[in-house]
Amino acid sequence: MSNRNKYDEIFIEVFEIEADQLNEKLEYQSIEAWDSVGHMSLMAALEDEFDIMLEMDDIVDFGSYMTGVETMKKYGVDI
């Protein structure tokens, strides 16, 4: 499974959304599940899946699907 597929699956599982709801415009609080608790669940799942430790600034700045793609690159994960 590619890193993009893993990344997408994490969003789908954490936020309990359908694949067709996942797109590049998905942002923090744009869906009910992406609240502060959902955000921390997403961060934990990404850290576990990709064996990384996100810095606090990156966790705070991780405000959209696309921002996350760029953030993951910083940690050597090419999405």
N, C-alpha and C. Protein backbone atom coordinates (compact mmCIF):
# COMPACT_ATOMS: atom_id res chain seq x y z
N MET A 1 0.85 -1.18 0.00
CA MET A 1 0.00 0.00 0.00
C MET A 1 0.90 1.25 0.00
N SER A 2 0.59 2.20 -0.85
CA SER A 2 1.40 3.41 -0.94
C SER A 2 1.18 4.30 0.28
N ASN A 3 2.11 5.21 0.50
CA ASN A 3 1.96 6.16 1.60
C ASN A 3 0.70 7.00 1.45
N ARG A 4 0.34 7.36 0.22
CA ARG A 4 -0.88 8.14 0.00
C ARG A 4 -2.10 7.34 0.42
N ASN A 5 -2.12 6.07 0.07
CA ASN A 5 -3.24 5.22 0.47
C ASN A 5 -3.32 5.07 1.99
N LYS A 6 -2.17 4.90 2.63
CA LYS A 6 -2.15 4.80 4.09
C LYS A 6 -2.65 6.10 4.72
N TYR A 7 -2.17 7.22 4.20
CA TYR A 7 -2.57 8.54 4.69
C TYR A 7 -4.08 8.71 4.56
N ASP A 8 -4.60 8.39 3.39
CA ASP A 8 -6.04 8.51 3.15
C ASP A 8 -6.84 7.60 4.08
N GLU A 9 -6.38 6.37 4.24
CA GLU A 9 -7.09 5.42 5.10
C GLU A 9 -7.16 5.91 6.55
N ILE A 10 -6.11 6.56 7.00
CA ILE A 10 -6.11 7.10 8.36
C ILE A 10 -7.21 8.15 8.50
N PHE A 11 -7.31 9.06 7.55
CA PHE A 11 -8.38 10.07 7.59
C PHE A 11 -9.75 9.40 7.59
N ILE A 12 -9.93 8.42 6.72
CA ILE A 12 -11.22 7.74 6.60
C ILE A 12 -11.57 7.02 7.90
N GLU A 13 -10.61 6.33 8.50
CA GLU A 13 -10.87 5.58 9.72
C GLU A 13 -11.07 6.48 10.93
N VAL A 14 -10.19 7.47 11.10
CA VAL A 14 -10.27 8.33 12.28
C VAL A 14 -11.56 9.15 12.27
N PHE A 15 -11.90 9.69 11.10
CA PHE A 15 -13.07 10.56 11.03
C PHE A 15 -14.35 9.83 10.64
N GLU A 16 -14.22 8.51 10.40
CA GLU A 16 -15.37 7.69 10.03
C GLU A 16 -16.16 8.32 8.88
N ILE A 17 -15.43 8.60 7.81
CA ILE A 17 -16.04 9.18 6.62
C ILE A 17 -15.92 8.21 5.46
N GLU A 18 -16.71 8.46 4.42
CA GLU A 18 -16.63 7.67 3.20
C GLU A 18 -15.47 8.22 2.35
N ALA A 19 -14.91 7.36 1.51
CA ALA A 19 -13.79 7.76 0.67
C ALA A 19 -14.14 8.97 -0.20
N ASP A 20 -15.39 9.07 -0.64
CA ASP A 20 -15.76 10.19 -1.50
C ASP A 20 -15.85 11.52 -0.74
N GLN A 21 -15.83 11.48 0.59
CA GLN A 21 -15.81 12.70 1.39
C GLN A 21 -14.39 13.23 1.57
N LEU A 22 -13.43 12.40 1.25
CA LEU A 22 -12.01 12.77 1.41
C LEU A 22 -11.54 13.46 0.15
N ASN A 23 -11.11 14.71 0.28
CA ASN A 23 -10.59 15.45 -0.86
C ASN A 23 -9.59 16.49 -0.39
N GLU A 24 -8.96 17.15 -1.32
CA GLU A 24 -7.90 18.11 -1.01
C GLU A 24 -8.41 19.36 -0.31
N LYS A 25 -9.72 19.55 -0.25
CA LYS A 25 -10.30 20.72 0.42
C LYS A 25 -10.69 20.44 1.87
N LEU A 26 -10.49 19.20 2.33
CA LEU A 26 -10.85 18.84 3.69
C LEU A 26 -9.98 19.63 4.67
N GLU A 27 -10.64 20.32 5.60
CA GLU A 27 -9.94 21.16 6.57
C GLU A 27 -10.45 20.90 7.98
N TYR A 28 -9.65 21.31 8.94
CA TYR A 28 -10.01 21.23 10.35
C TYR A 28 -11.36 21.90 10.57
N GLN A 29 -12.24 21.22 11.22
CA GLN A 29 -13.60 21.65 11.55
C GLN A 29 -14.53 21.80 10.34
N SER A 30 -14.10 21.30 9.17
CA SER A 30 -15.00 21.32 8.01
C SER A 30 -15.98 20.15 8.06
N ILE A 31 -15.66 19.17 8.90
CA ILE A 31 -16.58 18.07 9.18
C ILE A 31 -16.67 17.93 10.70
N GLU A 32 -17.77 17.43 11.17
CA GLU A 32 -18.01 17.34 12.61
C GLU A 32 -16.93 16.55 13.34
N ALA A 33 -16.46 15.48 12.74
CA ALA A 33 -15.48 14.61 13.41
C ALA A 33 -14.10 15.25 13.56
N TRP A 34 -13.79 16.25 12.74
CA TRP A 34 -12.46 16.87 12.84
C TRP A 34 -12.53 18.05 13.80
N ASP A 35 -12.75 17.71 15.06
CA ASP A 35 -12.70 18.69 16.13
C ASP A 35 -11.37 18.50 16.86
N SER A 36 -11.20 19.10 18.02
CA SER A 36 -9.92 19.00 18.72
C SER A 36 -9.58 17.56 19.11
N VAL A 37 -10.57 16.80 19.53
CA VAL A 37 -10.34 15.40 19.90
C VAL A 37 -10.01 14.58 18.65
N GLY A 38 -10.77 14.79 17.60
CA GLY A 38 -10.49 14.09 16.35
C GLY A 38 -9.12 14.44 15.80
N HIS A 39 -8.72 15.70 15.98
CA HIS A 39 -7.41 16.15 15.50
C HIS A 39 -6.30 15.38 16.21
N MET A 40 -6.40 15.24 17.52
CA MET A 40 -5.36 14.53 18.25
C MET A 40 -5.37 13.03 17.91
N SER A 41 -6.53 12.48 17.64
CA SER A 41 -6.60 11.08 17.20
C SER A 41 -5.92 10.91 15.85
N LEU A 42 -6.14 11.88 14.96
CA LEU A 42 -5.49 11.85 13.65
C LEU A 42 -3.98 11.92 13.80
N MET A 43 -3.50 12.83 14.64
CA MET A 43 -2.05 12.98 14.83
C MET A 43 -1.44 11.68 15.38
N ALA A 44 -2.10 11.08 16.36
CA ALA A 44 -1.60 9.83 16.94
C ALA A 44 -1.57 8.71 15.91
N ALA A 45 -2.60 8.62 15.09
CA ALA A 45 -2.65 7.57 14.07
C ALA A 45 -1.56 7.77 13.03
N LEU A 46 -1.31 9.01 12.63
CA LEU A 46 -0.25 9.28 11.67
C LEU A 46 1.12 8.95 12.26
N GLU A 47 1.33 9.34 13.51
CA GLU A 47 2.60 9.03 14.17
C GLU A 47 2.81 7.51 14.24
N ASP A 48 1.79 6.79 14.60
CA ASP A 48 1.91 5.33 14.70
C ASP A 48 2.18 4.68 13.35
N GLU A 49 1.39 5.06 12.35
CA GLU A 49 1.51 4.44 11.03
C GLU A 49 2.86 4.69 10.38
N PHE A 50 3.35 5.93 10.51
CA PHE A 50 4.58 6.29 9.81
C PHE A 50 5.80 6.33 10.72
N ASP A 51 5.63 5.91 11.98
CA ASP A 51 6.73 5.82 12.94
C ASP A 51 7.50 7.15 13.04
N ILE A 52 6.75 8.21 13.29
CA ILE A 52 7.32 9.54 13.44
C ILE A 52 6.82 10.16 14.74
N MET A 53 7.43 11.26 15.14
CA MET A 53 6.99 12.03 16.30
C MET A 53 6.84 13.48 15.83
N LEU A 54 5.59 13.90 15.67
CA LEU A 54 5.32 15.25 15.19
C LEU A 54 5.64 16.28 16.27
N GLU A 55 6.24 17.39 15.86
CA GLU A 55 6.50 18.49 16.78
C GLU A 55 5.20 19.24 17.05
N MET A 56 5.10 19.86 18.20
CA MET A 56 3.88 20.55 18.59
C MET A 56 3.46 21.60 17.56
N ASP A 57 4.41 22.36 17.03
CA ASP A 57 4.08 23.38 16.02
C ASP A 57 3.43 22.74 14.79
N ASP A 58 3.93 21.58 14.40
CA ASP A 58 3.37 20.90 13.24
C ASP A 58 1.97 20.37 13.53
N ILE A 59 1.74 19.92 14.75
CA ILE A 59 0.41 19.44 15.13
C ILE A 59 -0.59 20.59 15.08
N VAL A 60 -0.19 21.74 15.60
CA VAL A 60 -1.06 22.91 15.61
C VAL A 60 -1.32 23.42 14.20
N ASP A 61 -0.30 23.41 13.35
CA ASP A 61 -0.42 23.93 11.99
C ASP A 61 -1.10 22.96 11.02
N PHE A 62 -1.30 21.72 11.41
CA PHE A 62 -1.87 20.68 10.57
C PHE A 62 -3.38 20.94 10.45
N GLY A 63 -3.73 21.92 9.61
CA GLY A 63 -5.11 22.36 9.54
C GLY A 63 -5.91 21.88 8.35
N SER A 64 -5.27 21.11 7.48
CA SER A 64 -5.99 20.62 6.31
C SER A 64 -5.31 19.36 5.77
N TYR A 65 -6.04 18.68 4.93
CA TYR A 65 -5.51 17.48 4.27
C TYR A 65 -4.21 17.82 3.53
N MET A 66 -4.23 18.92 2.78
CA MET A 66 -3.05 19.28 1.97
C MET A 66 -1.90 19.79 2.83
N THR A 67 -2.17 20.51 3.89
CA THR A 67 -1.11 20.94 4.81
C THR A 67 -0.43 19.71 5.38
N GLY A 68 -1.23 18.70 5.68
CA GLY A 68 -0.69 17.46 6.21
C GLY A 68 0.27 16.78 5.25
N VAL A 69 -0.05 16.82 3.97
CA VAL A 69 0.84 16.23 2.97
C VAL A 69 2.21 16.89 3.04
N GLU A 70 2.22 18.21 3.13
CA GLU A 70 3.49 18.95 3.23
C GLU A 70 4.20 18.67 4.55
N THR A 71 3.44 18.61 5.62
CA THR A 71 4.03 18.34 6.93
C THR A 71 4.69 16.96 6.95
N MET A 72 4.04 15.99 6.36
CA MET A 72 4.61 14.64 6.36
C MET A 72 5.94 14.59 5.61
N LYS A 73 6.08 15.40 4.56
CA LYS A 73 7.34 15.45 3.82
C LYS A 73 8.49 15.87 4.73
N LYS A 74 8.18 16.78 5.65
CA LYS A 74 9.20 17.26 6.60
C LYS A 74 9.77 16.11 7.41
N TYR A 75 8.99 15.07 7.61
CA TYR A 75 9.40 13.91 8.40
C TYR A 75 9.86 12.73 7.53
N GLY A 76 10.10 13.03 6.26
CA GLY A 76 10.61 12.01 5.34
C GLY A 76 9.56 11.06 4.81
N VAL A 77 8.29 11.43 4.94
CA VAL A 77 7.19 10.59 4.45
C VAL A 77 6.62 11.27 3.21
N ASP A 78 6.89 10.69 2.05
CA ASP A 78 6.40 11.24 0.79
C ASP A 78 5.00 10.71 0.52
N ILE A 79 4.04 11.61 0.58
CA ILE A 79 2.64 11.21 0.40
C ILE A 79 2.31 11.30 -1.06
